[in-house]
Amino acid sequence: MAGWALRFADLHQTGTETNVDENSALNSFSLKSNFRSDLEVGASFVAGVRYRLGHFALLPEIRYTRWGGQNNTLRKNEAGFYLGLSF
């Protein structure tokens, strides 16, 4: 099966960095960064099977998405394994 996927990322990072200078004095700095990507479209390819176990069914699948766009911060290739359960 093949189809389209949409994504955007909203990343926030905060922290503190502490350094020791040549006079053995401690200097602390607050770090804060924000990143928001544009909406991207990718082509997804999915393969899976269905296993019946009585009243239940297991649905394992492998999904691969190739993302378009000009964003170099996020990965272009994404693969995942998913396990569904129905009853």
C-alpha atoms as a PDB file:
ATOM      1  CA  MET A   1       0.000   0.000   0.000  1.00  0.00           C
ATOM      2  CA  ALA A   2       1.230   3.520  -0.700  1.00  0.00           C
ATOM      3  CA  GLY A   3      -0.003   6.971   0.217  1.00  0.00           C
ATOM      4  CA  TRP A   4       0.903  10.415   1.467  1.00  0.00           C
ATOM      5  CA  ALA A   5       2.018  11.600   4.897  1.00  0.00           C
ATOM      6  CA  LEU A   6       2.161  15.093   6.408  1.00  0.00           C
ATOM      7  CA  ARG A   7       4.447  16.349   9.162  1.00  0.00           C
ATOM      8  CA  PHE A   8       5.788  19.401  10.908  1.00  0.00           C
ATOM      9  CA  ALA A   9       8.128  19.584  13.871  1.00  0.00           C
ATOM     10  CA  ASP A  10       8.023  21.926  16.828  1.00  0.00           C
ATOM     11  CA  LEU A  11      11.176  21.505  18.945  1.00  0.00           C
ATOM     12  CA  HIS A  12      12.012  23.327  22.171  1.00  0.00           C
ATOM     13  CA  GLN A  13      15.226  22.953  24.143  1.00  0.00           C
ATOM     14  CA  THR A  14      16.255  24.596  27.398  1.00  0.00           C
ATOM     15  CA  GLY A  15      19.239  24.035  29.648  1.00  0.00           C
ATOM     16  CA  THR A  16      22.089  25.516  31.597  1.00  0.00           C
ATOM     17  CA  GLU A  17      25.792  25.412  30.826  1.00  0.00           C
ATOM     18  CA  THR A  18      28.358  25.965  33.580  1.00  0.00           C
ATOM     19  CA  ASN A  19      32.014  26.731  32.846  1.00  0.00           C
ATOM     20  CA  VAL A  20      35.048  27.240  35.054  1.00  0.00           C
ATOM     21  CA  ASP A  21      37.311  30.096  33.951  1.00  0.00           C
ATOM     22  CA  GLU A  22      41.077  30.471  34.540  1.00  0.00           C
ATOM     23  CA  ASN A  23      40.416  32.042  38.001  1.00  0.00           C
ATOM     24  CA  SER A  24      38.374  28.979  39.084  1.00  0.00           C
ATOM     25  CA  ALA A  25      35.184  31.024  39.022  1.00  0.00           C
ATOM     26  CA  LEU A  26      31.966  29.342  37.929  1.00  0.00           C
ATOM     27  CA  ASN A  27      30.007  30.965  35.100  1.00  0.00           C
ATOM     28  CA  SER A  28      26.503  29.721  34.276  1.00  0.00           C
ATOM     29  CA  PHE A  29      24.596  30.449  31.084  1.00  0.00           C
ATOM     30  CA  SER A  30      20.973  29.714  30.283  1.00  0.00           C
ATOM     31  CA  LEU A  31      20.386  28.087  26.911  1.00  0.00           C
ATOM     32  CA  LYS A  32      17.097  28.206  25.063  1.00  0.00           C
ATOM     33  CA  SER A  33      16.277  27.355  21.468  1.00  0.00           C
ATOM     34  CA  ASN A  34      13.081  26.972  19.469  1.00  0.00           C
ATOM     35  CA  PHE A  35      12.608  25.422  16.048  1.00  0.00           C
ATOM     36  CA  ARG A  36       9.465  25.023  13.961  1.00  0.00           C
ATOM     37  CA  SER A  37       9.578  23.388  10.547  1.00  0.00           C
ATOM     38  CA  ASP A  38       7.318  24.066   7.612  1.00  0.00           C
ATOM     39  CA  LEU A  39       4.627  21.555   6.709  1.00  0.00           C
ATOM     40  CA  GLU A  40       6.207  18.771   4.659  1.00  0.00           C
ATOM     41  CA  VAL A  41       4.684  16.097   2.440  1.00  0.00           C
ATOM     42  CA  GLY A  42       6.146  12.622   2.089  1.00  0.00           C
ATOM     43  CA  ALA A  43       5.423   9.456   0.149  1.00  0.00           C
ATOM     44  CA  SER A  44       4.698   6.454   2.415  1.00  0.00           C
ATOM     45  CA  PHE A  45       4.940   2.766   1.578  1.00  0.00           C
ATOM     46  CA  VAL A  46       3.422   0.200   3.952  1.00  0.00           C
ATOM     47  CA  ALA A  47       3.454  -3.601   4.089  1.00  0.00           C
ATOM     48  CA  GLY A  48       1.776  -5.716   6.749  1.00  0.00           C
ATOM     49  CA  VAL A  49      -0.074  -8.905   7.599  1.00  0.00           C
ATOM     50  CA  ARG A  50      -2.973  -9.935   9.827  1.00  0.00           C
ATOM     51  CA  TYR A  51      -2.700 -12.837  12.298  1.00  0.00           C
ATOM     52  CA  ARG A  52      -5.913 -14.094  13.895  1.00  0.00           C
ATOM     53  CA  LEU A  53      -5.678 -15.410  17.461  1.00  0.00           C
ATOM     54  CA  GLY A  54      -9.211 -16.391  18.465  1.00  0.00           C
ATOM     55  CA  HIS A  55     -11.186 -13.174  18.966  1.00  0.00           C
ATOM     56  CA  PHE A  56      -8.047 -11.062  18.585  1.00  0.00           C
ATOM     57  CA  ALA A  57      -5.966 -10.085  15.574  1.00  0.00           C
ATOM     58  CA  LEU A  58      -2.350  -8.891  15.521  1.00  0.00           C
ATOM     59  CA  LEU A  59      -1.487  -6.481  12.724  1.00  0.00           C
ATOM     60  CA  PRO A  60       2.300  -5.967  12.351  1.00  0.00           C
ATOM     61  CA  GLU A  61       3.395  -3.568   9.622  1.00  0.00           C
ATOM     62  CA  ILE A  62       6.538  -1.916   8.316  1.00  0.00           C
ATOM     63  CA  ARG A  63       6.293   1.664   7.099  1.00  0.00           C
ATOM     64  CA  TYR A  64       8.809   3.687   5.069  1.00  0.00           C
ATOM     65  CA  THR A  65       8.383   7.403   4.346  1.00  0.00           C
ATOM     66  CA  ARG A  66      10.550   9.540   2.070  1.00  0.00           C
ATOM     67  CA  TRP A  67      10.081  13.193   3.032  1.00  0.00           C
ATOM     68  CA  GLY A  68      10.267  16.038   0.534  1.00  0.00           C
ATOM     69  CA  GLY A  69      11.063  19.665   1.214  1.00  0.00           C
ATOM     70  CA  GLN A  70      14.246  21.632   1.789  1.00  0.00           C
ATOM     71  CA  ASN A  71      14.526  21.117   5.562  1.00  0.00           C
ATOM     72  CA  ASN A  72      18.010  19.808   6.457  1.00  0.00           C
ATOM     73  CA  THR A  73      17.305  19.657  10.206  1.00  0.00           C
ATOM     74  CA  LEU A  74      14.900  16.695   9.979  1.00  0.00           C
ATOM     75  CA  ARG A  75      15.604  13.308   8.423  1.00  0.00           C
ATOM     76  CA  LYS A  76      14.609  12.642   4.810  1.00  0.00           C
ATOM     77  CA  ASN A  77      14.152   8.874   5.290  1.00  0.00           C
ATOM     78  CA  GLU A  78      11.990   7.423   8.036  1.00  0.00           C
ATOM     79  CA  ALA A  79      11.219   3.751   8.703  1.00  0.00           C
ATOM     80  CA  GLY A  80       9.185   2.202  11.481  1.00  0.00           C
ATOM     81  CA  PHE A  81       7.630  -0.999  12.764  1.00  0.00           C
ATOM     82  CA  TYR A  82       4.087  -0.812  14.099  1.00  0.00           C
ATOM     83  CA  LEU A  83       1.977  -3.413  15.854  1.00  0.00           C
ATOM     84  CA  GLY A  84      -1.794  -3.111  15.854  1.00  0.00           C
ATOM     85  CA  LEU A  85      -4.290  -5.096  17.918  1.00  0.00           C
ATOM     86  CA  SER A  86      -7.952  -5.523  17.082  1.00  0.00           C
ATOM     87  CA  PHE A  87     -10.693  -7.432  18.846  1.00  0.00           C
END
